[in-house]
Amino acid sequence: MKKTLSVFGMTCHKCVAHVKMALEELEQVKSAEVSLQEQSAVVELNEDVADEVLKNAVEEFGYEVREIK
């Protein structure tokens, strides 16, 4: 299962690393691919996880999640 997050506030590759780390620290997340250019993150999940959990993980680092598909 995959989910795509629209992430705003990333301005550099260090931001990308922060978002990737925040998502991959969640046990339900198998992997995360983060794009600075597209301002998005695609997560592959081991198991279903509530959108709010993904959103909170990213927003703890100061970025804004506007949409999860």
PDB file of N, CA and C in Angstrom:
ATOM      1  N   MET A   1       0.844  -1.171   0.000  1.00  0.00           N
ATOM      2  CA  MET A   1       0.000   0.000   0.000  1.00  0.00           C
ATOM      3  C   MET A   1       0.893   1.238   0.000  1.00  0.00           C
ATOM      4  N   LYS A   2       0.520   2.230  -0.793  1.00  0.00           N
ATOM      5  CA  LYS A   2       1.269   3.485  -0.864  1.00  0.00           C
ATOM      6  C   LYS A   2       0.344   4.654  -0.583  1.00  0.00           C
ATOM      7  N   LYS A   3       0.922   5.698  -0.008  1.00  0.00           N
ATOM      8  CA  LYS A   3       0.216   6.957   0.192  1.00  0.00           C
ATOM      9  C   LYS A   3       1.139   8.079  -0.252  1.00  0.00           C
ATOM     10  N   THR A   4       0.534   9.131  -0.818  1.00  0.00           N
ATOM     11  CA  THR A   4       1.289  10.291  -1.263  1.00  0.00           C
ATOM     12  C   THR A   4       0.883  11.496  -0.433  1.00  0.00           C
ATOM     13  N   LEU A   5       1.874  12.181   0.111  1.00  0.00           N
ATOM     14  CA  LEU A   5       1.642  13.365   0.925  1.00  0.00           C
ATOM     15  C   LEU A   5       2.118  14.594   0.175  1.00  0.00           C
ATOM     16  N   SER A   6       1.333  15.653   0.183  1.00  0.00           N
ATOM     17  CA  SER A   6       1.775  16.952  -0.314  1.00  0.00           C
ATOM     18  C   SER A   6       2.407  17.668   0.870  1.00  0.00           C
ATOM     19  N   VAL A   7       3.709  17.934   0.770  1.00  0.00           N
ATOM     20  CA  VAL A   7       4.463  18.513   1.883  1.00  0.00           C
ATOM     21  C   VAL A   7       4.981  19.886   1.470  1.00  0.00           C
ATOM     22  N   PHE A   8       4.614  20.899   2.228  1.00  0.00           N
ATOM     23  CA  PHE A   8       5.049  22.256   1.923  1.00  0.00           C
ATOM     24  C   PHE A   8       6.001  22.760   2.994  1.00  0.00           C
ATOM     25  N   GLY A   9       6.944  23.600   2.567  1.00  0.00           N
ATOM     26  CA  GLY A   9       7.913  24.178   3.484  1.00  0.00           C
ATOM     27  C   GLY A   9       9.318  23.639   3.298  1.00  0.00           C
ATOM     28  N   MET A  10       9.483  22.653   2.420  1.00  0.00           N
ATOM     29  CA  MET A  10      10.823  22.128   2.151  1.00  0.00           C
ATOM     30  C   MET A  10      11.528  23.072   1.184  1.00  0.00           C
ATOM     31  N   THR A  11      12.770  23.464   1.534  1.00  0.00           N
ATOM     32  CA  THR A  11      13.504  24.404   0.693  1.00  0.00           C
ATOM     33  C   THR A  11      14.869  23.885   0.248  1.00  0.00           C
ATOM     34  N   CYS A  12      15.306  22.754   0.824  1.00  0.00           N
ATOM     35  CA  CYS A  12      16.640  22.249   0.487  1.00  0.00           C
ATOM     36  C   CYS A  12      16.686  20.735   0.684  1.00  0.00           C
ATOM     37  N   HIS A  13      17.823  20.155   0.335  1.00  0.00           N
ATOM     38  CA  HIS A  13      17.960  18.701   0.447  1.00  0.00           C
ATOM     39  C   HIS A  13      17.994  18.239   1.905  1.00  0.00           C
ATOM     40  N   LYS A  14      18.398  19.116   2.805  1.00  0.00           N
ATOM     41  CA  LYS A  14      18.363  18.766   4.232  1.00  0.00           C
ATOM     42  C   LYS A  14      16.911  18.617   4.699  1.00  0.00           C
ATOM     43  N   CYS A  15      16.032  19.471   4.172  1.00  0.00           N
ATOM     44  CA  CYS A  15      14.602  19.356   4.482  1.00  0.00           C
ATOM     45  C   CYS A  15      14.073  18.000   4.012  1.00  0.00           C
ATOM     46  N   VAL A  16      14.475  17.599   2.826  1.00  0.00           N
ATOM     47  CA  VAL A  16      14.061  16.306   2.274  1.00  0.00           C
ATOM     48  C   VAL A  16      14.494  15.184   3.216  1.00  0.00           C
ATOM     49  N   ALA A  17      15.719  15.264   3.710  1.00  0.00           N
ATOM     50  CA  ALA A  17      16.233  14.243   4.624  1.00  0.00           C
ATOM     51  C   ALA A  17      15.426  14.208   5.920  1.00  0.00           C
ATOM     52  N   HIS A  18      15.043  15.381   6.436  1.00  0.00           N
ATOM     53  CA  HIS A  18      14.235  15.435   7.662  1.00  0.00           C
ATOM     54  C   HIS A  18      12.886  14.753   7.462  1.00  0.00           C
ATOM     55  N   VAL A  19      12.222  15.053   6.353  1.00  0.00           N
ATOM     56  CA  VAL A  19      10.902  14.469   6.087  1.00  0.00           C
ATOM     57  C   VAL A  19      11.028  12.957   5.907  1.00  0.00           C
ATOM     58  N   LYS A  20      12.034  12.531   5.160  1.00  0.00           N
ATOM     59  CA  LYS A  20      12.258  11.092   4.942  1.00  0.00           C
ATOM     60  C   LYS A  20      12.488  10.381   6.275  1.00  0.00           C
ATOM     61  N   MET A  21      13.335  10.955   7.116  1.00  0.00           N
ATOM     62  CA  MET A  21      13.628  10.355   8.413  1.00  0.00           C
ATOM     63  C   MET A  21      12.376  10.303   9.294  1.00  0.00           C
ATOM     64  N   ALA A  22      11.607  11.391   9.308  1.00  0.00           N
ATOM     65  CA  ALA A  22      10.395  11.439  10.133  1.00  0.00           C
ATOM     66  C   ALA A  22       9.431  10.326   9.751  1.00  0.00           C
ATOM     67  N   LEU A  23       9.270  10.102   8.466  1.00  0.00           N
ATOM     68  CA  LEU A  23       8.344   9.072   7.995  1.00  0.00           C
ATOM     69  C   LEU A  23       8.892   7.666   8.221  1.00  0.00           C
ATOM     70  N   GLU A  24      10.170   7.462   7.933  1.00  0.00           N
ATOM     71  CA  GLU A  24      10.746   6.122   8.052  1.00  0.00           C
ATOM     72  C   GLU A  24      10.935   5.684   9.503  1.00  0.00           C
ATOM     73  N   GLU A  25      10.840   6.616  10.450  1.00  0.00           N
ATOM     74  CA  GLU A  25      10.897   6.241  11.867  1.00  0.00           C
ATOM     75  C   GLU A  25       9.617   5.543  12.318  1.00  0.00           C
ATOM     76  N   LEU A  26       8.542   5.708  11.564  1.00  0.00           N
ATOM     77  CA  LEU A  26       7.278   5.053  11.903  1.00  0.00           C
ATOM     78  C   LEU A  26       7.371   3.576  11.533  1.00  0.00           C
ATOM     79  N   GLU A  27       6.986   2.691  12.447  1.00  0.00           N
ATOM     80  CA  GLU A  27       7.127   1.255  12.187  1.00  0.00           C
ATOM     81  C   GLU A  27       6.241   0.770  11.048  1.00  0.00           C
ATOM     82  N   GLN A  28       5.155   1.487  10.750  1.00  0.00           N
ATOM     83  CA  GLN A  28       4.264   1.072   9.671  1.00  0.00           C
ATOM     84  C   GLN A  28       4.818   1.420   8.286  1.00  0.00           C
ATOM     85  N   VAL A  29       5.838   2.281   8.239  1.00  0.00           N
ATOM     86  CA  VAL A  29       6.396   2.748   6.963  1.00  0.00           C
ATOM     87  C   VAL A  29       7.584   1.878   6.565  1.00  0.00           C
ATOM     88  N   LYS A  30       7.471   1.270   5.389  1.00  0.00           N
ATOM     89  CA  LYS A  30       8.555   0.444   4.837  1.00  0.00           C
ATOM     90  C   LYS A  30       9.635   1.333   4.229  1.00  0.00           C
ATOM     91  N   SER A  31       9.204   2.347   3.454  1.00  0.00           N
ATOM     92  CA  SER A  31      10.152   3.275   2.841  1.00  0.00           C
ATOM     93  C   SER A  31       9.435   4.569   2.485  1.00  0.00           C
ATOM     94  N   ALA A  32      10.237   5.613   2.283  1.00  0.00           N
ATOM     95  CA  ALA A  32       9.687   6.915   1.900  1.00  0.00           C
ATOM     96  C   ALA A  32      10.587   7.535   0.839  1.00  0.00           C
ATOM     97  N   GLU A  33       9.977   8.037  -0.211  1.00  0.00           N
ATOM     98  CA  GLU A  33      10.688   8.767  -1.262  1.00  0.00           C
ATOM     99  C   GLU A  33      10.156  10.195  -1.241  1.00  0.00           C
ATOM    100  N   VAL A  34      11.050  11.147  -1.028  1.00  0.00           N
ATOM    101  CA  VAL A  34      10.649  12.543  -0.863  1.00  0.00           C
ATOM    102  C   VAL A  34      11.215  13.359  -2.015  1.00  0.00           C
ATOM    103  N   SER A  35      10.375  14.215  -2.610  1.00  0.00           N
ATOM    104  CA  SER A  35      10.787  15.048  -3.742  1.00  0.00           C
ATOM    105  C   SER A  35      10.695  16.520  -3.373  1.00  0.00           C
ATOM    106  N   LEU A  36      11.838  17.193  -3.420  1.00  0.00           N
ATOM    107  CA  LEU A  36      11.872  18.634  -3.181  1.00  0.00           C
ATOM    108  C   LEU A  36      11.151  19.364  -4.305  1.00  0.00           C
ATOM    109  N   GLN A  37      11.410  18.958  -5.535  1.00  0.00           N
ATOM    110  CA  GLN A  37      10.823  19.612  -6.702  1.00  0.00           C
ATOM    111  C   GLN A  37       9.303  19.515  -6.703  1.00  0.00           C
ATOM    112  N   GLU A  38       8.776  18.344  -6.362  1.00  0.00           N
ATOM    113  CA  GLU A  38       7.324  18.140  -6.384  1.00  0.00           C
ATOM    114  C   GLU A  38       6.663  18.446  -5.048  1.00  0.00           C
ATOM    115  N   GLN A  39       7.483  18.761  -4.030  1.00  0.00           N
ATOM    116  CA  GLN A  39       6.964  19.043  -2.686  1.00  0.00           C
ATOM    117  C   GLN A  39       6.044  17.916  -2.218  1.00  0.00           C
ATOM    118  N   SER A  40       6.556  16.681  -2.329  1.00  0.00           N
ATOM    119  CA  SER A  40       5.731  15.524  -1.987  1.00  0.00           C
ATOM    120  C   SER A  40       6.577  14.410  -1.383  1.00  0.00           C
ATOM    121  N   ALA A  41       5.872  13.481  -0.758  1.00  0.00           N
ATOM    122  CA  ALA A  41       6.497  12.273  -0.231  1.00  0.00           C
ATOM    123  C   ALA A  41       5.587  11.099  -0.557  1.00  0.00           C
ATOM    124  N   VAL A  42       6.182  10.031  -1.077  1.00  0.00           N
ATOM    125  CA  VAL A  42       5.441   8.800  -1.342  1.00  0.00           C
ATOM    126  C   VAL A  42       5.949   7.769  -0.350  1.00  0.00           C
ATOM    127  N   VAL A  43       5.027   7.244   0.458  1.00  0.00           N
ATOM    128  CA  VAL A  43       5.415   6.250   1.457  1.00  0.00           C
ATOM    129  C   VAL A  43       4.854   4.892   1.079  1.00  0.00           C
ATOM    130  N   GLU A  44       5.692   3.877   1.225  1.00  0.00           N
ATOM    131  CA  GLU A  44       5.247   2.499   1.061  1.00  0.00           C
ATOM    132  C   GLU A  44       5.074   1.945   2.464  1.00  0.00           C
ATOM    133  N   LEU A  45       3.903   1.377   2.706  1.00  0.00           N
ATOM    134  CA  LEU A  45       3.548   0.947   4.051  1.00  0.00           C
ATOM    135  C   LEU A  45       3.637  -0.559   4.226  1.00  0.00           C
ATOM    136  N   ASN A  46       4.082  -0.979   5.414  1.00  0.00           N
ATOM    137  CA  ASN A  46       4.043  -2.387   5.811  1.00  0.00           C
ATOM    138  C   ASN A  46       2.627  -2.773   6.203  1.00  0.00           C
ATOM    139  N   GLU A  47       1.924  -1.805   6.781  1.00  0.00           N
ATOM    140  CA  GLU A  47       0.550  -1.998   7.239  1.00  0.00           C
ATOM    141  C   GLU A  47      -0.146  -0.648   7.187  1.00  0.00           C
ATOM    142  N   ASP A  48      -1.459  -0.674   7.229  1.00  0.00           N
ATOM    143  CA  ASP A  48      -2.218   0.567   7.152  1.00  0.00           C
ATOM    144  C   ASP A  48      -1.908   1.445   8.357  1.00  0.00           C
ATOM    145  N   VAL A  49      -1.901   2.734   8.126  1.00  0.00           N
ATOM    146  CA  VAL A  49      -1.654   3.710   9.184  1.00  0.00           C
ATOM    147  C   VAL A  49      -2.584   4.891   8.932  1.00  0.00           C
ATOM    148  N   ALA A  50      -3.086   5.467   9.999  1.00  0.00           N
ATOM    149  CA  ALA A  50      -3.976   6.623   9.876  1.00  0.00           C
ATOM    150  C   ALA A  50      -3.223   7.800   9.270  1.00  0.00           C
ATOM    151  N   ASP A  51      -3.908   8.538   8.402  1.00  0.00           N
ATOM    152  CA  ASP A  51      -3.306   9.715   7.776  1.00  0.00           C
ATOM    153  C   ASP A  51      -2.785  10.688   8.826  1.00  0.00           C
ATOM    154  N   GLU A  52      -3.489  10.810   9.924  1.00  0.00           N
ATOM    155  CA  GLU A  52      -3.105  11.744  10.986  1.00  0.00           C
ATOM    156  C   GLU A  52      -1.733  11.400  11.572  1.00  0.00           C
ATOM    157  N   VAL A  53      -1.401  10.116  11.635  1.00  0.00           N
ATOM    158  CA  VAL A  53      -0.097   9.685  12.152  1.00  0.00           C
ATOM    159  C   VAL A  53       1.014  10.157  11.212  1.00  0.00           C
ATOM    160  N   LEU A  54       0.816   9.980   9.914  1.00  0.00           N
ATOM    161  CA  LEU A  54       1.801  10.442   8.930  1.00  0.00           C
ATOM    162  C   LEU A  54       1.941  11.958   8.989  1.00  0.00           C
ATOM    163  N   LYS A  55       0.816  12.640   9.037  1.00  0.00           N
ATOM    164  CA  LYS A  55       0.808  14.104   9.081  1.00  0.00           C
ATOM    165  C   LYS A  55       1.555  14.616  10.306  1.00  0.00           C
ATOM    166  N   ASN A  56       1.267  14.058  11.463  1.00  0.00           N
ATOM    167  CA  ASN A  56       1.912  14.508  12.698  1.00  0.00           C
ATOM    168  C   ASN A  56       3.417  14.284  12.671  1.00  0.00           C
ATOM    169  N   ALA A  57       3.854  13.160  12.105  1.00  0.00           N
ATOM    170  CA  ALA A  57       5.286  12.861  12.036  1.00  0.00           C
ATOM    171  C   ALA A  57       6.027  13.929  11.238  1.00  0.00           C
ATOM    172  N   VAL A  58       5.451  14.348  10.120  1.00  0.00           N
ATOM    173  CA  VAL A  58       6.078  15.363   9.267  1.00  0.00           C
ATOM    174  C   VAL A  58       5.977  16.745   9.907  1.00  0.00           C
ATOM    175  N   GLU A  59       4.825  17.072  10.452  1.00  0.00           N
ATOM    176  CA  GLU A  59       4.609  18.415  10.997  1.00  0.00           C
ATOM    177  C   GLU A  59       5.409  18.666  12.273  1.00  0.00           C
ATOM    178  N   GLU A  60       5.844  17.606  12.960  1.00  0.00           N
ATOM    179  CA  GLU A  60       6.724  17.776  14.126  1.00  0.00           C
ATOM    180  C   GLU A  60       8.050  18.411  13.724  1.00  0.00           C
ATOM    181  N   PHE A  61       8.443  18.244  12.468  1.00  0.00           N
ATOM    182  CA  PHE A  61       9.683  18.830  11.966  1.00  0.00           C
ATOM    183  C   PHE A  61       9.467  20.225  11.375  1.00  0.00           C
ATOM    184  N   GLY A  62       8.239  20.734  11.441  1.00  0.00           N
ATOM    185  CA  GLY A  62       7.973  22.100  11.000  1.00  0.00           C
ATOM    186  C   GLY A  62       7.488  22.244   9.570  1.00  0.00           C
ATOM    187  N   TYR A  63       7.151  21.143   8.919  1.00  0.00           N
ATOM    188  CA  TYR A  63       6.640  21.198   7.552  1.00  0.00           C
ATOM    189  C   TYR A  63       5.133  21.027   7.582  1.00  0.00           C
ATOM    190  N   GLU A  64       4.471  21.458   6.538  1.00  0.00           N
ATOM    191  CA  GLU A  64       3.009  21.398   6.481  1.00  0.00           C
ATOM    192  C   GLU A  64       2.556  20.322   5.499  1.00  0.00           C
ATOM    193  N   VAL A  65       1.667  19.453   5.956  1.00  0.00           N
ATOM    194  CA  VAL A  65       1.062  18.445   5.085  1.00  0.00           C
ATOM    195  C   VAL A  65      -0.323  18.950   4.725  1.00  0.00           C
ATOM    196  N   ARG A  66      -0.542  19.189   3.430  1.00  0.00           N
ATOM    197  CA  ARG A  66      -1.824  19.744   2.987  1.00  0.00           C
ATOM    198  C   ARG A  66      -2.785  18.690   2.466  1.00  0.00           C
ATOM    199  N   GLU A  67      -2.252  17.569   2.006  1.00  0.00           N
ATOM    200  CA  GLU A  67      -3.119  16.539   1.422  1.00  0.00           C
ATOM    201  C   GLU A  67      -2.423  15.186   1.504  1.00  0.00           C
ATOM    202  N   ILE A  68      -3.222  14.145   1.721  1.00  0.00           N
ATOM    203  CA  ILE A  68      -2.716  12.774   1.694  1.00  0.00           C
ATOM    204  C   ILE A  68      -3.654  11.959   0.820  1.00  0.00           C
ATOM    205  N   LYS A  69      -3.073  11.293  -0.190  1.00  0.00           N
ATOM    206  CA  LYS A  69      -3.875  10.462  -1.102  1.00  0.00           C
ATOM    207  C   LYS A  69      -3.427   9.022  -0.979  1.00  0.00           C
TER     208      LYS A  69
END
